[in-house]
Amino acid sequence: MTKQQIIHVTDYKSPFAYLAKDPAYALEDEFDVAVEWRHFTLDIPSFLGAVETRSETEWRKVRYAYMDMRRWANKRGLTVRGPRRIYDSSPAAIGMQYAQAQGVFRPYNDRVFERFWNHELEVDDVPALTALLAEVGADEKGFADYLHGEGRERHDALRLETEKLGVFGVPSFVLNGEIFWGYDRMELLRERLREG
């Protein structure tokens, strides 16, 4: 019998996606499910406004989101330092795809999230991501070609496919076509899984 599938949609530059990482792993331990991890590279200016043109309301929303995220992070003992700029996280996302294919997804995923949110890694620094892939046991020699060819194509296709599911932000979970958006909606997802 095949396991029930959950699509988990994440982005390395989202602090709430970082908070959702370990609970997402735990879903497979607690329930008879398989979690498919997909990176959904957020377009921050379209989501929260461009830094140069944000309204005061948009800035209040951003400040509140980081304050709220730190509440959750503090409860879990996680360090989350605010990003230094707006990032294109697609190189790290394509690295995730590469790590999945190489069988080293979890150590890659853990290190990218932790190091980015501790200001030890930039998610668009290709040499650093290549070194990290080698560190976790991937054959890093093929990463540059993958990044600029097949990996970029797959990244873009997955993003479009994920949008067609109705996903608009991260972290999101898709179960039988139903979307649960946000770290704080994970308990609703767990309730649905317990219902059966």
C-alpha atoms as a PDB file:
ATOM      1  CA  MET A   1       0.000   0.000   0.000  1.00  0.00           C
ATOM      2  CA  THR A   2       1.391   3.405  -0.953  1.00  0.00           C
ATOM      3  CA  LYS A   3       1.718   6.065   1.700  1.00  0.00           C
ATOM      4  CA  GLN A   4      -0.388   9.178   1.685  1.00  0.00           C
ATOM      5  CA  GLN A   5       1.524  12.033   0.061  1.00  0.00           C
ATOM      6  CA  ILE A   6       2.075  15.506   1.479  1.00  0.00           C
ATOM      7  CA  ILE A   7       3.794  18.197  -0.555  1.00  0.00           C
ATOM      8  CA  HIS A   8       5.787  20.477   1.726  1.00  0.00           C
ATOM      9  CA  VAL A   9       6.602  23.807   0.094  1.00  0.00           C
ATOM     10  CA  THR A  10       9.507  25.755   1.563  1.00  0.00           C
ATOM     11  CA  ASP A  11      11.987  28.554   0.859  1.00  0.00           C
ATOM     12  CA  TYR A  12      15.342  28.921   2.603  1.00  0.00           C
ATOM     13  CA  LYS A  13      14.886  32.672   3.002  1.00  0.00           C
ATOM     14  CA  SER A  14      11.634  32.315   4.961  1.00  0.00           C
ATOM     15  CA  PRO A  15      12.114  32.226   8.736  1.00  0.00           C
ATOM     16  CA  PHE A  16       8.744  30.522   9.122  1.00  0.00           C
ATOM     17  CA  ALA A  17       9.889  27.803   6.703  1.00  0.00           C
ATOM     18  CA  TYR A  18      12.925  27.335   8.953  1.00  0.00           C
ATOM     19  CA  LEU A  19      10.619  26.919  11.937  1.00  0.00           C
ATOM     20  CA  ALA A  20       8.564  24.335  10.002  1.00  0.00           C
ATOM     21  CA  LYS A  21      11.555  22.201   8.995  1.00  0.00           C
ATOM     22  CA  ASP A  22      11.841  19.842  11.965  1.00  0.00           C
ATOM     23  CA  PRO A  23       8.065  19.486  12.488  1.00  0.00           C
ATOM     24  CA  ALA A  24       7.781  18.615   8.785  1.00  0.00           C
ATOM     25  CA  TYR A  25      10.351  15.848   9.234  1.00  0.00           C
ATOM     26  CA  ALA A  26       8.345  14.582  12.220  1.00  0.00           C
ATOM     27  CA  LEU A  27       5.208  14.105  10.113  1.00  0.00           C
ATOM     28  CA  GLU A  28       6.721  10.995   8.526  1.00  0.00           C
ATOM     29  CA  ASP A  29       7.564   9.582  11.954  1.00  0.00           C
ATOM     30  CA  GLU A  30       4.147  10.258  13.452  1.00  0.00           C
ATOM     31  CA  PHE A  31       1.898   9.407  10.500  1.00  0.00           C
ATOM     32  CA  ASP A  32       2.010   6.919   7.643  1.00  0.00           C
ATOM     33  CA  VAL A  33       2.844   9.609   5.092  1.00  0.00           C
ATOM     34  CA  ALA A  34       5.560  10.500   2.627  1.00  0.00           C
ATOM     35  CA  VAL A  35       6.585  14.168   2.507  1.00  0.00           C
ATOM     36  CA  GLU A  36       7.762  15.579  -0.807  1.00  0.00           C
ATOM     37  CA  TRP A  37       9.904  18.668  -0.191  1.00  0.00           C
ATOM     38  CA  ARG A  38       9.651  21.379  -2.838  1.00  0.00           C
ATOM     39  CA  HIS A  39      11.424  24.706  -2.814  1.00  0.00           C
ATOM     40  CA  PHE A  40       9.244  27.625  -3.898  1.00  0.00           C
ATOM     41  CA  THR A  41      11.501  30.614  -4.455  1.00  0.00           C
ATOM     42  CA  LEU A  42       9.524  33.573  -3.163  1.00  0.00           C
ATOM     43  CA  ASP A  43       9.460  36.867  -5.029  1.00  0.00           C
ATOM     44  CA  ILE A  44       9.752  39.036  -1.921  1.00  0.00           C
ATOM     45  CA  PRO A  45       9.010  42.408  -3.608  1.00  0.00           C
ATOM     46  CA  SER A  46       5.691  41.107  -4.952  1.00  0.00           C
ATOM     47  CA  PHE A  47       4.904  39.471  -1.601  1.00  0.00           C
ATOM     48  CA  LEU A  48       5.969  42.190   0.859  1.00  0.00           C
ATOM     49  CA  GLY A  49       6.698  45.136  -1.414  1.00  0.00           C
ATOM     50  CA  ALA A  50      10.060  46.328  -2.706  1.00  0.00           C
ATOM     51  CA  VAL A  51      12.232  47.728   0.094  1.00  0.00           C
ATOM     52  CA  GLU A  52      12.562  51.108  -1.615  1.00  0.00           C
ATOM     53  CA  THR A  53       8.809  51.567  -2.110  1.00  0.00           C
ATOM     54  CA  ARG A  54       7.221  49.816   0.897  1.00  0.00           C
ATOM     55  CA  SER A  55       4.408  51.722   2.524  1.00  0.00           C
ATOM     56  CA  GLU A  56       4.331  52.224   6.287  1.00  0.00           C
ATOM     57  CA  THR A  57       1.659  49.517   6.453  1.00  0.00           C
ATOM     58  CA  GLU A  58       3.928  47.070   4.611  1.00  0.00           C
ATOM     59  CA  TRP A  59       6.814  47.904   6.971  1.00  0.00           C
ATOM     60  CA  ARG A  60       4.550  47.301  10.005  1.00  0.00           C
ATOM     61  CA  LYS A  61       3.615  43.931   8.515  1.00  0.00           C
ATOM     62  CA  VAL A  62       7.292  43.020   8.010  1.00  0.00           C
ATOM     63  CA  ARG A  63       8.274  44.126  11.534  1.00  0.00           C
ATOM     64  CA  TYR A  64       5.375  42.224  13.065  1.00  0.00           C
ATOM     65  CA  ALA A  65       6.195  39.063  11.086  1.00  0.00           C
ATOM     66  CA  TYR A  66       9.775  39.043  12.407  1.00  0.00           C
ATOM     67  CA  MET A  67       8.654  39.760  15.980  1.00  0.00           C
ATOM     68  CA  ASP A  68       6.129  36.920  15.774  1.00  0.00           C
ATOM     69  CA  MET A  69       8.655  34.546  14.229  1.00  0.00           C
ATOM     70  CA  ARG A  70      11.124  35.276  17.041  1.00  0.00           C
ATOM     71  CA  ARG A  71       8.462  34.355  19.596  1.00  0.00           C
ATOM     72  CA  TRP A  72       8.189  30.920  18.005  1.00  0.00           C
ATOM     73  CA  ALA A  73      11.967  30.595  17.539  1.00  0.00           C
ATOM     74  CA  ASN A  74      12.648  31.490  21.183  1.00  0.00           C
ATOM     75  CA  LYS A  75      10.244  28.760  22.338  1.00  0.00           C
ATOM     76  CA  ARG A  76      12.343  26.258  20.376  1.00  0.00           C
ATOM     77  CA  GLY A  77      15.788  27.659  21.251  1.00  0.00           C
ATOM     78  CA  LEU A  78      16.533  28.612  17.629  1.00  0.00           C
ATOM     79  CA  THR A  79      18.665  31.559  16.597  1.00  0.00           C
ATOM     80  CA  VAL A  80      17.150  33.567  13.765  1.00  0.00           C
ATOM     81  CA  ARG A  81      19.017  36.654  12.622  1.00  0.00           C
ATOM     82  CA  GLY A  82      17.227  38.919  10.174  1.00  0.00           C
ATOM     83  CA  PRO A  83      18.407  38.685   6.567  1.00  0.00           C
ATOM     84  CA  ARG A  84      20.934  41.262   5.440  1.00  0.00           C
ATOM     85  CA  ARG A  85      19.225  41.898   2.094  1.00  0.00           C
ATOM     86  CA  ILE A  86      16.598  40.488  -0.240  1.00  0.00           C
ATOM     87  CA  TYR A  87      17.918  37.226  -1.680  1.00  0.00           C
ATOM     88  CA  ASP A  88      17.338  35.141  -4.753  1.00  0.00           C
ATOM     89  CA  SER A  89      17.351  31.757  -3.035  1.00  0.00           C
ATOM     90  CA  SER A  90      17.099  29.773  -6.268  1.00  0.00           C
ATOM     91  CA  PRO A  91      20.773  28.622  -6.173  1.00  0.00           C
ATOM     92  CA  ALA A  92      20.169  27.036  -2.744  1.00  0.00           C
ATOM     93  CA  ALA A  93      16.857  25.654  -4.028  1.00  0.00           C
ATOM     94  CA  ILE A  94      18.553  24.017  -6.991  1.00  0.00           C
ATOM     95  CA  GLY A  95      21.153  22.737  -4.532  1.00  0.00           C
ATOM     96  CA  MET A  96      18.266  21.130  -2.626  1.00  0.00           C
ATOM     97  CA  GLN A  97      17.139  19.335  -5.790  1.00  0.00           C
ATOM     98  CA  TYR A  98      20.710  18.192  -6.388  1.00  0.00           C
ATOM     99  CA  ALA A  99      21.046  16.994  -2.791  1.00  0.00           C
ATOM    100  CA  GLN A 100      17.779  15.066  -3.107  1.00  0.00           C
ATOM    101  CA  ALA A 101      19.071  13.311  -6.226  1.00  0.00           C
ATOM    102  CA  GLN A 102      22.364  12.565  -4.449  1.00  0.00           C
ATOM    103  CA  GLY A 103      20.642  11.110  -1.368  1.00  0.00           C
ATOM    104  CA  VAL A 104      21.916  13.795   1.029  1.00  0.00           C
ATOM    105  CA  PHE A 105      18.816  15.965   1.322  1.00  0.00           C
ATOM    106  CA  ARG A 106      18.455  16.199   5.114  1.00  0.00           C
ATOM    107  CA  PRO A 107      22.030  17.161   5.992  1.00  0.00           C
ATOM    108  CA  TYR A 108      22.031  19.709   3.155  1.00  0.00           C
ATOM    109  CA  ASN A 109      18.635  21.096   4.162  1.00  0.00           C
ATOM    110  CA  ASP A 110      19.572  21.327   7.835  1.00  0.00           C
ATOM    111  CA  ARG A 111      22.853  23.109   7.177  1.00  0.00           C
ATOM    112  CA  VAL A 112      21.477  25.594   4.645  1.00  0.00           C
ATOM    113  CA  PHE A 113      18.648  26.654   6.947  1.00  0.00           C
ATOM    114  CA  GLU A 114      20.768  26.846  10.091  1.00  0.00           C
ATOM    115  CA  ARG A 115      23.729  28.612   8.506  1.00  0.00           C
ATOM    116  CA  PHE A 116      21.637  31.120   6.569  1.00  0.00           C
ATOM    117  CA  TRP A 117      19.650  32.154   9.646  1.00  0.00           C
ATOM    118  CA  ASN A 118      22.878  32.414  11.667  1.00  0.00           C
ATOM    119  CA  HIS A 119      24.562  34.603   8.988  1.00  0.00           C
ATOM    120  CA  GLU A 120      27.090  31.881   8.146  1.00  0.00           C
ATOM    121  CA  LEU A 121      25.908  31.238   4.558  1.00  0.00           C
ATOM    122  CA  GLU A 122      24.346  33.250   1.750  1.00  0.00           C
ATOM    123  CA  VAL A 123      21.723  31.308  -0.208  1.00  0.00           C
ATOM    124  CA  ASP A 124      22.940  32.767  -3.499  1.00  0.00           C
ATOM    125  CA  ASP A 125      26.662  32.048  -2.928  1.00  0.00           C
ATOM    126  CA  VAL A 126      27.278  29.267  -5.451  1.00  0.00           C
ATOM    127  CA  PRO A 127      30.856  28.413  -4.350  1.00  0.00           C
ATOM    128  CA  ALA A 128      29.710  28.124  -0.712  1.00  0.00           C
ATOM    129  CA  LEU A 129      26.730  25.964  -1.708  1.00  0.00           C
ATOM    130  CA  THR A 130      29.025  23.773  -3.817  1.00  0.00           C
ATOM    131  CA  ALA A 131      31.356  23.333  -0.839  1.00  0.00           C
ATOM    132  CA  LEU A 132      28.396  22.502   1.382  1.00  0.00           C
ATOM    133  CA  LEU A 133      27.233  19.828  -1.072  1.00  0.00           C
ATOM    134  CA  ALA A 134      30.707  18.273  -0.894  1.00  0.00           C
ATOM    135  CA  GLU A 135      30.642  18.522   2.905  1.00  0.00           C
ATOM    136  CA  VAL A 136      27.437  16.467   3.123  1.00  0.00           C
ATOM    137  CA  GLY A 137      28.715  13.802   0.738  1.00  0.00           C
ATOM    138  CA  ALA A 138      27.358  14.848  -2.659  1.00  0.00           C
ATOM    139  CA  ASP A 139      29.457  14.678  -5.816  1.00  0.00           C
ATOM    140  CA  GLU A 140      29.748  18.437  -6.173  1.00  0.00           C
ATOM    141  CA  LYS A 141      31.550  18.296  -9.530  1.00  0.00           C
ATOM    142  CA  GLY A 142      28.299  18.170 -11.502  1.00  0.00           C
ATOM    143  CA  PHE A 143      26.546  20.915  -9.576  1.00  0.00           C
ATOM    144  CA  ALA A 144      27.586  23.895 -11.733  1.00  0.00           C
ATOM    145  CA  ASP A 145      26.254  22.264 -14.910  1.00  0.00           C
ATOM    146  CA  TYR A 146      23.083  21.180 -13.097  1.00  0.00           C
ATOM    147  CA  LEU A 147      22.571  24.673 -11.647  1.00  0.00           C
ATOM    148  CA  HIS A 148      22.664  26.391 -15.035  1.00  0.00           C
ATOM    149  CA  GLY A 149      20.921  23.667 -17.044  1.00  0.00           C
ATOM    150  CA  GLU A 150      18.610  20.894 -15.950  1.00  0.00           C
ATOM    151  CA  GLY A 151      18.388  22.137 -12.364  1.00  0.00           C
ATOM    152  CA  ARG A 152      17.238  25.628 -13.336  1.00  0.00           C
ATOM    153  CA  GLU A 153      14.659  24.165 -15.730  1.00  0.00           C
ATOM    154  CA  ARG A 154      13.319  21.807 -13.063  1.00  0.00           C
ATOM    155  CA  HIS A 155      13.256  24.586 -10.438  1.00  0.00           C
ATOM    156  CA  ASP A 156      11.194  26.839 -12.709  1.00  0.00           C
ATOM    157  CA  ALA A 157       8.849  24.024 -13.769  1.00  0.00           C
ATOM    158  CA  LEU A 158       8.245  22.966 -10.148  1.00  0.00           C
ATOM    159  CA  ARG A 159       7.486  26.540  -9.160  1.00  0.00           C
ATOM    160  CA  LEU A 160       4.833  26.825 -11.880  1.00  0.00           C
ATOM    161  CA  GLU A 161       3.415  23.418 -11.000  1.00  0.00           C
ATOM    162  CA  THR A 162       3.247  24.392  -7.327  1.00  0.00           C
ATOM    163  CA  GLU A 163       1.503  27.671  -8.162  1.00  0.00           C
ATOM    164  CA  LYS A 164      -1.108  25.697 -10.107  1.00  0.00           C
ATOM    165  CA  LEU A 165      -1.865  23.781  -6.911  1.00  0.00           C
ATOM    166  CA  GLY A 166      -2.889  27.141  -5.404  1.00  0.00           C
ATOM    167  CA  VAL A 167       0.234  27.711  -3.311  1.00  0.00           C
ATOM    168  CA  PHE A 168       1.203  31.361  -2.830  1.00  0.00           C
ATOM    169  CA  GLY A 169       3.558  31.345   0.161  1.00  0.00           C
ATOM    170  CA  VAL A 170       5.694  29.246   2.465  1.00  0.00           C
ATOM    171  CA  PRO A 171       5.702  27.132   4.415  1.00  0.00           C
ATOM    172  CA  SER A 172       2.756  25.387   2.825  1.00  0.00           C
ATOM    173  CA  PHE A 173       1.564  21.818   3.000  1.00  0.00           C
ATOM    174  CA  VAL A 174      -0.706  20.259   0.393  1.00  0.00           C
ATOM    175  CA  LEU A 175      -2.717  17.202   1.423  1.00  0.00           C
ATOM    176  CA  ASN A 176      -5.252  15.804  -1.043  1.00  0.00           C
ATOM    177  CA  GLY A 177      -5.477  19.207  -2.720  1.00  0.00           C
ATOM    178  CA  GLU A 178      -6.061  21.069   0.568  1.00  0.00           C
ATOM    179  CA  ILE A 179      -3.519  23.775   1.381  1.00  0.00           C
ATOM    180  CA  PHE A 180      -2.294  24.562   4.887  1.00  0.00           C
ATOM    181  CA  TRP A 181      -0.232  27.773   4.770  1.00  0.00           C
ATOM    182  CA  GLY A 182       1.961  28.838   7.643  1.00  0.00           C
ATOM    183  CA  TYR A 183       3.943  27.310  10.455  1.00  0.00           C
ATOM    184  CA  ASP A 184       1.034  27.994  12.789  1.00  0.00           C
ATOM    185  CA  ARG A 185      -1.333  25.908  10.603  1.00  0.00           C
ATOM    186  CA  MET A 186       0.626  22.697  11.101  1.00  0.00           C
ATOM    187  CA  GLU A 187      -1.629  21.584  13.932  1.00  0.00           C
ATOM    188  CA  LEU A 188      -4.608  21.860  11.572  1.00  0.00           C
ATOM    189  CA  LEU A 189      -2.729  19.610   9.137  1.00  0.00           C
ATOM    190  CA  ARG A 190      -2.004  17.150  11.928  1.00  0.00           C
ATOM    191  CA  GLU A 191      -5.683  17.134  12.886  1.00  0.00           C
ATOM    192  CA  ARG A 192      -6.591  16.320   9.295  1.00  0.00           C
ATOM    193  CA  LEU A 193      -4.078  13.480   9.263  1.00  0.00           C
ATOM    194  CA  ARG A 194      -5.460  12.096  12.520  1.00  0.00           C
ATOM    195  CA  GLU A 195      -8.965  12.182  11.022  1.00  0.00           C
ATOM    196  CA  GLY A 196      -7.651   9.739   8.539  1.00  0.00           C
END
